[in-house]
Structure formats: structure tokens, C-alpha cells
PDB file of all heavy atoms in Angstrom:
ATOM      1  N   GLY A   1     149.637  68.039 137.577  1.00  0.00           N
ATOM      2  CA  GLY A   1     149.136  68.087 138.933  1.00  0.00           C
ATOM      3  C   GLY A   1     150.172  68.604 139.908  1.00  0.00           C
ATOM      4  O   GLY A   1     151.316  68.905 139.532  1.00  0.00           O
ATOM      5  N   PRO A   2     149.810  68.718 141.191  1.00  0.00           N
ATOM      6  CA  PRO A   2     150.723  69.271 142.196  1.00  0.00           C
ATOM      7  C   PRO A   2     152.002  68.457 142.373  1.00  0.00           C
ATOM      8  O   PRO A   2     153.023  68.998 142.797  1.00  0.00           O
ATOM      9  CB  PRO A   2     149.888  69.274 143.480  1.00  0.00           C
ATOM     10  CG  PRO A   2     148.774  68.306 143.221  1.00  0.00           C
ATOM     11  CD  PRO A   2     148.505  68.375 141.762  1.00  0.00           C
ATOM     12  N   ASP A   3     151.947  67.181 142.069  1.00  0.00           N
ATOM     13  CA  ASP A   3     153.137  66.324 142.136  1.00  0.00           C
ATOM     14  C   ASP A   3     153.691  66.036 140.743  1.00  0.00           C
ATOM     15  O   ASP A   3     154.360  65.041 140.527  1.00  0.00           O
ATOM     16  CB  ASP A   3     152.811  65.012 142.848  1.00  0.00           C
ATOM     17  CG  ASP A   3     152.428  65.221 144.305  1.00  0.00           C
ATOM     18  OD1 ASP A   3     153.083  66.056 144.958  1.00  0.00           O
ATOM     19  OD2 ASP A   3     151.478  64.570 144.771  1.00  0.00           O
ATOM     20  N   GLN A   4     153.358  66.941 139.797  1.00  0.00           N
ATOM     21  CA  GLN A   4     153.805  66.827 138.407  1.00  0.00           C
ATOM     22  C   GLN A   4     153.231  65.603 137.710  1.00  0.00           C
ATOM     23  O   GLN A   4     153.770  65.132 136.707  1.00  0.00           O
ATOM     24  CB  GLN A   4     155.339  66.820 138.312  1.00  0.00           C
ATOM     25  CG  GLN A   4     155.980  68.150 138.684  1.00  0.00           C
ATOM     26  CD  GLN A   4     155.502  69.292 137.791  1.00  0.00           C
ATOM     27  OE1 GLN A   4     155.701  69.295 136.590  1.00  0.00           O
ATOM     28  NE2 GLN A   4     154.822  70.263 138.390  1.00  0.00           N
ATOM     29  N   GLU A   5     152.118  65.085 138.199  1.00  0.00           N
ATOM     30  CA  GLU A   5     151.502  63.931 137.552  1.00  0.00           C
ATOM     31  C   GLU A   5     150.803  64.358 136.268  1.00  0.00           C
ATOM     32  O   GLU A   5     150.310  65.475 136.137  1.00  0.00           O
ATOM     33  CB  GLU A   5     150.505  63.238 138.495  1.00  0.00           C
ATOM     34  CG  GLU A   5     149.306  64.064 138.903  1.00  0.00           C
ATOM     35  CD  GLU A   5     149.543  64.834 140.199  1.00  0.00           C
ATOM     36  OE1 GLU A   5     150.715  65.095 140.524  1.00  0.00           O
ATOM     37  OE2 GLU A   5     148.545  65.201 140.860  1.00  0.00           O
ATOM     38  N   TYR A   6     150.790  63.431 135.306  1.00  0.00           N
ATOM     39  CA  TYR A   6     150.099  63.635 134.040  1.00  0.00           C
ATOM     40  C   TYR A   6     148.644  63.201 134.189  1.00  0.00           C
ATOM     41  O   TYR A   6     148.340  62.249 134.913  1.00  0.00           O
ATOM     42  CB  TYR A   6     150.739  62.801 132.930  1.00  0.00           C
ATOM     43  CG  TYR A   6     152.119  63.252 132.525  1.00  0.00           C
ATOM     44  CD1 TYR A   6     153.251  62.672 133.103  1.00  0.00           C
ATOM     45  CD2 TYR A   6     152.301  64.238 131.563  1.00  0.00           C
ATOM     46  CE1 TYR A   6     154.532  63.072 132.726  1.00  0.00           C
ATOM     47  CE2 TYR A   6     153.576  64.647 131.188  1.00  0.00           C
ATOM     48  CZ  TYR A   6     154.678  64.064 131.776  1.00  0.00           C
ATOM     49  OH  TYR A   6     155.936  64.463 131.410  1.00  0.00           O
ATOM     50  N   SER A   7     147.758  63.894 133.482  1.00  0.00           N
ATOM     51  CA  SER A   7     146.344  63.524 133.468  1.00  0.00           C
ATOM     52  C   SER A   7     145.973  63.083 132.059  1.00  0.00           C
ATOM     53  O   SER A   7     145.931  63.888 131.125  1.00  0.00           O
ATOM     54  CB  SER A   7     145.476  64.712 133.890  1.00  0.00           C
ATOM     55  OG  SER A   7     144.110  64.341 133.924  1.00  0.00           O
ATOM     56  N   VAL A   8     145.740  61.784 131.890  1.00  0.00           N
ATOM     57  CA  VAL A   8     145.375  61.205 130.600  1.00  0.00           C
ATOM     58  C   VAL A   8     143.890  60.854 130.632  1.00  0.00           C
ATOM     59  O   VAL A   8     143.419  60.193 131.554  1.00  0.00           O
ATOM     60  CB  VAL A   8     146.201  59.937 130.312  1.00  0.00           C
ATOM     61  CG1 VAL A   8     145.670  59.214 129.071  1.00  0.00           C
ATOM     62  CG2 VAL A   8     147.670  60.291 130.124  1.00  0.00           C
ATOM     63  N   HIS A   9     143.171  61.308 129.618  1.00  0.00           N
ATOM     64  CA  HIS A   9     141.758  60.965 129.472  1.00  0.00           C
ATOM     65  C   HIS A   9     141.598  60.138 128.199  1.00  0.00           C
ATOM     66  O   HIS A   9     142.054  60.551 127.127  1.00  0.00           O
ATOM     67  CB  HIS A   9     140.901  62.226 129.386  1.00  0.00           C
ATOM     68  CG  HIS A   9     140.811  62.985 130.677  1.00  0.00           C
ATOM     69  ND1 HIS A   9     139.644  63.117 131.390  1.00  0.00           N
ATOM     70  CD2 HIS A   9     141.765  63.647 131.384  1.00  0.00           C
ATOM     71  CE1 HIS A   9     139.870  63.823 132.482  1.00  0.00           C
ATOM     72  NE2 HIS A   9     141.153  64.160 132.497  1.00  0.00           N
ATOM     73  N   LEU A  10     140.974  58.995 128.316  1.00  0.00           N
ATOM     74  CA  LEU A  10     140.690  58.156 127.160  1.00  0.00           C
ATOM     75  C   LEU A  10     139.239  58.346 126.750  1.00  0.00           C
ATOM     76  O   LEU A  10     138.479  59.089 127.388  1.00  0.00           O
ATOM     77  CB  LEU A  10     140.984  56.683 127.487  1.00  0.00           C
ATOM     78  CG  LEU A  10     142.403  56.383 127.981  1.00  0.00           C
ATOM     79  CD1 LEU A  10     142.584  54.881 128.176  1.00  0.00           C
ATOM     80  CD2 LEU A  10     143.458  56.928 127.036  1.00  0.00           C
ATOM     81  N   ASP A  11     138.828  57.708 125.706  1.00  0.00           N
ATOM     82  CA  ASP A  11     137.441  57.753 125.236  1.00  0.00           C
ATOM     83  C   ASP A  11     137.020  56.332 124.906  1.00  0.00           C
ATOM     84  O   ASP A  11     136.813  55.977 123.744  1.00  0.00           O
ATOM     85  CB  ASP A  11     137.308  58.667 124.015  1.00  0.00           C
ATOM     86  CG  ASP A  11     135.861  58.807 123.546  1.00  0.00           C
ATOM     87  OD1 ASP A  11     134.952  58.568 124.373  1.00  0.00           O
ATOM     88  OD2 ASP A  11     135.645  59.131 122.362  1.00  0.00           O
ATOM     89  N   THR A  12     136.955  55.506 125.938  1.00  0.00           N
ATOM     90  CA  THR A  12     136.618  54.106 125.723  1.00  0.00           C
ATOM     91  C   THR A  12     136.009  53.543 127.001  1.00  0.00           C
ATOM     92  O   THR A  12     135.799  54.269 127.977  1.00  0.00           O
ATOM     93  CB  THR A  12     137.854  53.291 125.295  1.00  0.00           C
ATOM     94  OG1 THR A  12     137.452  51.977 124.918  1.00  0.00           O
ATOM     95  CG2 THR A  12     138.889  53.222 126.404  1.00  0.00           C
ATOM     96  N   GLY A  13     135.724  52.290 127.015  1.00  0.00           N
ATOM     97  CA  GLY A  13     135.128  51.647 128.176  1.00  0.00           C
ATOM     98  C   GLY A  13     134.712  50.238 127.826  1.00  0.00           C
ATOM     99  O   GLY A  13     134.992  49.731 126.738  1.00  0.00           O
ATOM    100  N   GLU A  14     134.032  49.602 128.763  1.00  0.00           N
ATOM    101  CA  GLU A  14     133.610  48.219 128.602  1.00  0.00           C
ATOM    102  C   GLU A  14     134.827  47.367 128.238  1.00  0.00           C
ATOM    103  O   GLU A  14     135.901  47.533 128.815  1.00  0.00           O
ATOM    104  CB  GLU A  14     132.463  48.123 127.602  1.00  0.00           C
ATOM    105  CG  GLU A  14     131.258  48.973 128.025  1.00  0.00           C
ATOM    106  CD  GLU A  14     130.075  48.845 127.106  1.00  0.00           C
ATOM    107  OE1 GLU A  14     129.956  47.825 126.401  1.00  0.00           O
ATOM    108  OE2 GLU A  14     129.246  49.773 127.096  1.00  0.00           O
ATOM    109  N   ARG A  15     134.700  46.450 127.283  1.00  0.00           N
ATOM    110  CA  ARG A  15     135.804  45.534 126.984  1.00  0.00           C
ATOM    111  C   ARG A  15     136.420  45.782 125.610  1.00  0.00           C
ATOM    112  O   ARG A  15     136.858  44.848 124.938  1.00  0.00           O
ATOM    113  CB  ARG A  15     135.318  44.084 127.084  1.00  0.00           C
ATOM    114  CG  ARG A  15     134.861  43.716 128.493  1.00  0.00           C
ATOM    115  CD  ARG A  15     134.447  42.261 128.580  1.00  0.00           C
ATOM    116  NE  ARG A  15     134.023  41.930 129.937  1.00  0.00           N
ATOM    117  CZ  ARG A  15     133.627  40.721 130.318  1.00  0.00           C
ATOM    118  NH1 ARG A  15     133.609  39.715 129.449  1.00  0.00           N
ATOM    119  NH2 ARG A  15     133.259  40.507 131.568  1.00  0.00           N
ATOM    120  N   TYR A  16     136.474  47.040 125.212  1.00  0.00           N
ATOM    121  CA  TYR A  16     137.096  47.379 123.933  1.00  0.00           C
ATOM    122  C   TYR A  16     138.612  47.490 124.137  1.00  0.00           C
ATOM    123  O   TYR A  16     139.201  48.573 124.056  1.00  0.00           O
ATOM    124  CB  TYR A  16     136.514  48.681 123.392  1.00  0.00           C
ATOM    125  CG  TYR A  16     135.024  48.622 123.142  1.00  0.00           C
ATOM    126  CD1 TYR A  16     134.145  49.449 123.839  1.00  0.00           C
ATOM    127  CD2 TYR A  16     134.490  47.729 122.211  1.00  0.00           C
ATOM    128  CE1 TYR A  16     132.780  49.392 123.623  1.00  0.00           C
ATOM    129  CE2 TYR A  16     133.123  47.657 121.979  1.00  0.00           C
ATOM    130  CZ  TYR A  16     132.274  48.493 122.686  1.00  0.00           C
ATOM    131  OH  TYR A  16     130.922  48.429 122.465  1.00  0.00           O
ATOM    132  N   TRP A  17     139.251  46.356 124.392  1.00  0.00           N
ATOM    133  CA  TRP A  17     140.656  46.358 124.785  1.00  0.00           C
ATOM    134  C   TRP A  17     141.563  46.958 123.717  1.00  0.00           C
ATOM    135  O   TRP A  17     142.573  47.597 124.051  1.00  0.00           O
ATOM    136  CB  TRP A  17     141.106  44.945 125.148  1.00  0.00           C
ATOM    137  CG  TRP A  17     140.260  44.282 126.189  1.00  0.00           C
ATOM    138  CD1 TRP A  17     139.660  43.053 126.114  1.00  0.00           C
ATOM    139  CD2 TRP A  17     139.899  44.798 127.484  1.00  0.00           C
ATOM    140  NE1 TRP A  17     138.951  42.769 127.257  1.00  0.00           N
ATOM    141  CE2 TRP A  17     139.081  43.823 128.123  1.00  0.00           C
ATOM    142  CE3 TRP A  17     140.173  45.984 128.162  1.00  0.00           C
ATOM    143  CZ2 TRP A  17     138.557  44.010 129.398  1.00  0.00           C
ATOM    144  CZ3 TRP A  17     139.651  46.173 129.427  1.00  0.00           C
ATOM    145  CH2 TRP A  17     138.856  45.190 130.032  1.00  0.00           C
ATOM    146  N   GLY A  18     141.221  46.759 122.454  1.00  0.00           N
ATOM    147  CA  GLY A  18     142.036  47.354 121.394  1.00  0.00           C
ATOM    148  C   GLY A  18     142.050  48.868 121.482  1.00  0.00           C
ATOM    149  O   GLY A  18     143.083  49.508 121.244  1.00  0.00           O
ATOM    150  N   GLN A  19     140.893  49.458 121.828  1.00  0.00           N
ATOM    151  CA  GLN A  19     140.842  50.907 121.975  1.00  0.00           C
ATOM    152  C   GLN A  19     141.676  51.376 123.156  1.00  0.00           C
ATOM    153  O   GLN A  19     142.341  52.414 123.080  1.00  0.00           O
ATOM    154  CB  GLN A  19     139.393  51.374 122.161  1.00  0.00           C
ATOM    155  CG  GLN A  19     138.556  51.318 120.903  1.00  0.00           C
ATOM    156  CD  GLN A  19     137.169  51.911 121.119  1.00  0.00           C
ATOM    157  OE1 GLN A  19     136.805  52.287 122.237  1.00  0.00           O
ATOM    158  NE2 GLN A  19     136.391  51.981 120.052  1.00  0.00           N
ATOM    159  N   TYR A  20     141.645  50.627 124.258  1.00  0.00           N
ATOM    160  CA  TYR A  20     142.469  50.987 125.418  1.00  0.00           C
ATOM    161  C   TYR A  20     143.940  51.062 125.002  1.00  0.00           C
ATOM    162  O   TYR A  20     144.644  52.032 125.310  1.00  0.00           O
ATOM    163  CB  TYR A  20     142.330  49.940 126.527  1.00  0.00           C
ATOM    164  CG  TYR A  20     141.028  49.941 127.282  1.00  0.00           C
ATOM    165  CD1 TYR A  20     139.909  49.280 126.791  1.00  0.00           C
ATOM    166  CD2 TYR A  20     140.921  50.567 128.524  1.00  0.00           C
ATOM    167  CE1 TYR A  20     138.724  49.243 127.497  1.00  0.00           C
ATOM    168  CE2 TYR A  20     139.725  50.536 129.243  1.00  0.00           C
ATOM    169  CZ  TYR A  20     138.633  49.878 128.724  1.00  0.00           C
ATOM    170  OH  TYR A  20     137.442  49.844 129.429  1.00  0.00           O
ATOM    171  N   VAL A  21     144.406  50.013 124.345  1.00  0.00           N
ATOM    172  CA  VAL A  21     145.818  49.941 123.964  1.00  0.00           C
ATOM    173  C   VAL A  21     146.158  51.048 122.964  1.00  0.00           C
ATOM    174  O   VAL A  21     147.174  51.745 123.109  1.00  0.00           O
ATOM    175  CB  VAL A  21     146.152  48.559 123.365  1.00  0.00           C
ATOM    176  CG1 VAL A  21     147.595  48.526 122.860  1.00  0.00           C
ATOM    177  CG2 VAL A  21     145.911  47.460 124.398  1.00  0.00           C
ATOM    178  N   TYR A  22     145.310  51.206 121.967  1.00  0.00           N
ATOM    179  CA  TYR A  22     145.554  52.189 120.913  1.00  0.00           C
ATOM    180  C   TYR A  22     145.612  53.606 121.482  1.00  0.00           C
ATOM    181  O   TYR A  22     146.552  54.366 121.215  1.00  0.00           O
ATOM    182  CB  TYR A  22     144.448  52.081 119.863  1.00  0.00           C
ATOM    183  CG  TYR A  22     144.508  53.124 118.781  1.00  0.00           C
ATOM    184  CD1 TYR A  22     145.399  53.005 117.721  1.00  0.00           C
ATOM    185  CD2 TYR A  22     143.664  54.234 118.817  1.00  0.00           C
ATOM    186  CE1 TYR A  22     145.460  53.975 116.726  1.00  0.00           C
ATOM    187  CE2 TYR A  22     143.716  55.197 117.826  1.00  0.00           C
ATOM    188  CZ  TYR A  22     144.609  55.068 116.787  1.00  0.00           C
ATOM    189  OH  TYR A  22     144.668  56.029 115.808  1.00  0.00           O
ATOM    190  N   GLN A  23     144.616  53.973 122.278  1.00  0.00           N
ATOM    191  CA  GLN A  23     144.548  55.339 122.789  1.00  0.00           C
ATOM    192  C   GLN A  23     145.605  55.617 123.856  1.00  0.00           C
ATOM    193  O   GLN A  23     146.247  56.676 123.852  1.00  0.00           O
ATOM    194  CB  GLN A  23     143.156  55.617 123.356  1.00  0.00           C
ATOM    195  CG  GLN A  23     142.056  55.622 122.319  1.00  0.00           C
ATOM    196  CD  GLN A  23     140.688  55.918 122.909  1.00  0.00           C
ATOM    197  OE1 GLN A  23     140.572  56.363 124.051  1.00  0.00           O
ATOM    198  NE2 GLN A  23     139.639  55.664 122.142  1.00  0.00           N
ATOM    199  N   PHE A  24     145.807  54.671 124.763  1.00  0.00           N
ATOM    200  CA  PHE A  24     146.739  54.910 125.856  1.00  0.00           C
ATOM    201  C   PHE A  24     148.173  54.999 125.349  1.00  0.00           C
ATOM    202  O   PHE A  24     148.942  55.867 125.778  1.00  0.00           O
ATOM    203  CB  PHE A  24     146.603  53.813 126.907  1.00  0.00           C
ATOM    204  CG  PHE A  24     147.306  54.104 128.206  1.00  0.00           C
ATOM    205  CD1 PHE A  24     147.357  55.388 128.725  1.00  0.00           C
ATOM    206  CD2 PHE A  24     147.918  53.087 128.926  1.00  0.00           C
ATOM    207  CE1 PHE A  24     148.002  55.658 129.937  1.00  0.00           C
ATOM    208  CE2 PHE A  24     148.561  53.340 130.128  1.00  0.00           C
ATOM    209  CZ  PHE A  24     148.600  54.626 130.632  1.00  0.00           C
ATOM    210  N   SER A  25     148.560  54.139 124.423  1.00  0.00           N
ATOM    211  CA  SER A  25     149.924  54.198 123.904  1.00  0.00           C
ATOM    212  C   SER A  25     150.157  55.495 123.126  1.00  0.00           C
ATOM    213  O   SER A  25     151.270  56.048 123.141  1.00  0.00           O
ATOM    214  CB  SER A  25     150.238  52.974 123.038  1.00  0.00           C
ATOM    215  OG  SER A  25     149.267  52.785 122.040  1.00  0.00           O
ATOM    216  N   HIS A  26     149.131  56.014 122.459  1.00  0.00           N
ATOM    217  CA  HIS A  26     149.254  57.308 121.773  1.00  0.00           C
ATOM    218  C   HIS A  26     149.588  58.403 122.780  1.00  0.00           C
ATOM    219  O   HIS A  26     150.516  59.206 122.562  1.00  0.00           O
ATOM    220  CB  HIS A  26     147.942  57.634 121.050  1.00  0.00           C
ATOM    221  CG  HIS A  26     147.966  58.917 120.277  1.00  0.00           C
ATOM    222  ND1 HIS A  26     148.032  58.974 118.902  1.00  0.00           N
ATOM    223  CD2 HIS A  26     147.927  60.219 120.690  1.00  0.00           C
ATOM    224  CE1 HIS A  26     148.041  60.235 118.502  1.00  0.00           C
ATOM    225  NE2 HIS A  26     147.979  61.013 119.580  1.00  0.00           N
ATOM    226  N   GLU A  27     148.859  58.442 123.887  1.00  0.00           N
ATOM    227  CA  GLU A  27     149.095  59.490 124.882  1.00  0.00           C
ATOM    228  C   GLU A  27     150.424  59.279 125.606  1.00  0.00           C
ATOM    229  O   GLU A  27     151.101  60.246 125.957  1.00  0.00           O
ATOM    230  CB  GLU A  27     147.930  59.550 125.879  1.00  0.00           C
ATOM    231  CG  GLU A  27     146.554  59.762 125.249  1.00  0.00           C
ATOM    232  CD  GLU A  27     146.492  60.896 124.236  1.00  0.00           C
ATOM    233  OE1 GLU A  27     147.213  61.906 124.417  1.00  0.00           O
ATOM    234  OE2 GLU A  27     145.727  60.781 123.262  1.00  0.00           O
ATOM    235  N   LEU A  28     150.809  58.030 125.827  1.00  0.00           N
ATOM    236  CA  LEU A  28     152.121  57.765 126.414  1.00  0.00           C
ATOM    237  C   LEU A  28     153.238  58.289 125.520  1.00  0.00           C
ATOM    238  O   LEU A  28     154.269  58.771 125.999  1.00  0.00           O
ATOM    239  CB  LEU A  28     152.305  56.261 126.651  1.00  0.00           C
ATOM    240  CG  LEU A  28     151.481  55.644 127.781  1.00  0.00           C
ATOM    241  CD1 LEU A  28     151.663  54.129 127.801  1.00  0.00           C
ATOM    242  CD2 LEU A  28     151.844  56.242 129.132  1.00  0.00           C
ATOM    243  N   CYS A  29     153.034  58.203 124.219  1.00  0.00           N
ATOM    244  CA  CYS A  29     154.048  58.706 123.295  1.00  0.00           C
ATOM    245  C   CYS A  29     154.171  60.225 123.388  1.00  0.00           C
ATOM    246  O   CYS A  29     155.279  60.768 123.313  1.00  0.00           O
ATOM    247  CB  CYS A  29     153.729  58.278 121.869  1.00  0.00           C
ATOM    248  SG  CYS A  29     155.022  58.705 120.673  1.00  0.00           S
ATOM    249  N   HIS A  30     153.059  60.936 123.576  1.00  0.00           N
ATOM    250  CA  HIS A  30     153.150  62.386 123.789  1.00  0.00           C
ATOM    251  C   HIS A  30     154.004  62.686 125.022  1.00  0.00           C
ATOM    252  O   HIS A  30     154.813  63.623 125.018  1.00  0.00           O
ATOM    253  CB  HIS A  30     151.759  62.990 123.971  1.00  0.00           C
ATOM    254  CG  HIS A  30     151.033  63.254 122.688  1.00  0.00           C
ATOM    255  ND1 HIS A  30     151.542  64.067 121.702  1.00  0.00           N
ATOM    256  CD2 HIS A  30     149.819  62.813 122.239  1.00  0.00           C
ATOM    257  CE1 HIS A  30     150.681  64.127 120.690  1.00  0.00           C
ATOM    258  NE2 HIS A  30     149.641  63.372 120.989  1.00  0.00           N
ATOM    259  N   ILE A  31     153.814  61.885 126.077  1.00  0.00           N
ATOM    260  CA  ILE A  31     154.612  62.072 127.289  1.00  0.00           C
ATOM    261  C   ILE A  31     156.081  61.810 126.994  1.00  0.00           C
ATOM    262  O   ILE A  31     156.962  62.560 127.425  1.00  0.00           O
ATOM    263  CB  ILE A  31     154.083  61.155 128.411  1.00  0.00           C
ATOM    264  CG1 ILE A  31     152.679  61.607 128.831  1.00  0.00           C
ATOM    265  CG2 ILE A  31     155.033  61.163 129.605  1.00  0.00           C
ATOM    266  CD1 ILE A  31     151.984  60.664 129.793  1.00  0.00           C
ATOM    267  N   LEU A  32     156.356  60.749 126.244  1.00  0.00           N
ATOM    268  CA  LEU A  32     157.738  60.438 125.876  1.00  0.00           C
ATOM    269  C   LEU A  32     158.351  61.561 125.044  1.00  0.00           C
ATOM    270  O   LEU A  32     159.529  61.884 125.191  1.00  0.00           O
ATOM    271  CB  LEU A  32     157.792  59.123 125.103  1.00  0.00           C
ATOM    272  CG  LEU A  32     159.178  58.646 124.667  1.00  0.00           C
ATOM    273  CD1 LEU A  32     160.038  58.303 125.880  1.00  0.00           C
ATOM    274  CD2 LEU A  32     159.069  57.434 123.737  1.00  0.00           C
ATOM    275  N   CYS A  33     157.553  62.176 124.177  1.00  0.00           N
ATOM    276  CA  CYS A  33     158.019  63.274 123.320  1.00  0.00           C
ATOM    277  C   CYS A  33     158.271  64.565 124.093  1.00  0.00           C
ATOM    278  O   CYS A  33     158.807  65.521 123.524  1.00  0.00           O
ATOM    279  CB  CYS A  33     156.985  63.578 122.232  1.00  0.00           C
ATOM    280  SG  CYS A  33     156.816  62.347 120.938  1.00  0.00           S
ATOM    281  N   GLN A  34     157.854  64.619 125.366  1.00  0.00           N
ATOM    282  CA  GLN A  34     157.912  65.856 126.149  1.00  0.00           C
ATOM    283  C   GLN A  34     157.122  66.961 125.446  1.00  0.00           C
ATOM    284  O   GLN A  34     157.635  68.050 125.185  1.00  0.00           O
ATOM    285  CB  GLN A  34     159.360  66.282 126.410  1.00  0.00           C
ATOM    286  CG  GLN A  34     160.165  65.259 127.177  1.00  0.00           C
ATOM    287  CD  GLN A  34     161.429  65.841 127.755  1.00  0.00           C
ATOM    288  OE1 GLN A  34     161.429  66.354 128.857  1.00  0.00           O
ATOM    289  NE2 GLN A  34     162.511  65.776 126.974  1.00  0.00           N
ATOM    290  N   TYR A  35     155.879  66.613 125.159  1.00  0.00           N
ATOM    291  CA  TYR A  35     154.989  67.507 124.427  1.00  0.00           C
ATOM    292  C   TYR A  35     154.925  68.889 125.077  1.00  0.00           C
ATOM    293  O   TYR A  35     155.023  69.027 126.293  1.00  0.00           O
ATOM    294  CB  TYR A  35     153.590  66.895 124.349  1.00  0.00           C
ATOM    295  CG  TYR A  35     152.900  66.760 125.699  1.00  0.00           C
ATOM    296  CD1 TYR A  35     151.892  67.643 126.070  1.00  0.00           C
ATOM    297  CD2 TYR A  35     153.269  65.764 126.605  1.00  0.00           C
ATOM    298  CE1 TYR A  35     151.265  67.540 127.301  1.00  0.00           C
ATOM    299  CE2 TYR A  35     152.650  65.641 127.834  1.00  0.00           C
ATOM    300  CZ  TYR A  35     151.651  66.539 128.179  1.00  0.00           C
ATOM    301  OH  TYR A  35     151.044  66.429 129.409  1.00  0.00           O
ATOM    302  N   ASP A  36     154.754  69.924 124.247  1.00  0.00           N
ATOM    303  CA  ASP A  36     154.671  71.292 124.760  1.00  0.00           C
ATOM    304  C   ASP A  36     153.881  72.139 123.767  1.00  0.00           C
ATOM    305  O   ASP A  36     153.337  71.628 122.791  1.00  0.00           O
ATOM    306  CB  ASP A  36     156.073  71.882 125.000  1.00  0.00           C
ATOM    307  CG  ASP A  36     156.974  71.795 123.782  1.00  0.00           C
ATOM    308  OD1 ASP A  36     156.450  71.890 122.648  1.00  0.00           O
ATOM    309  OD2 ASP A  36     158.201  71.635 123.939  1.00  0.00           O
TER     310      ASP A  36
END
């Protein structure tokens, strides 16, 4: 984004908390890796 923000899209909802954790930590790791 214009302020260098990352845009993460998940594929979950409702109360599937395990999916939130699983998917979000995966994408956070890409950010940590400095994906390119």
C-alpha cells in the first residue's frame, strides 16, 4: 500500500479459530521471509 502496508487475505470466518491461527501465521512467515 501507499504506506508500505501489507495486505493479507485469509479464507476463514465465523469461529474457526484454528484456521485463523494457521492461515495468519503462514502469511506472517512470508512477511518475515521478505518474500519476493
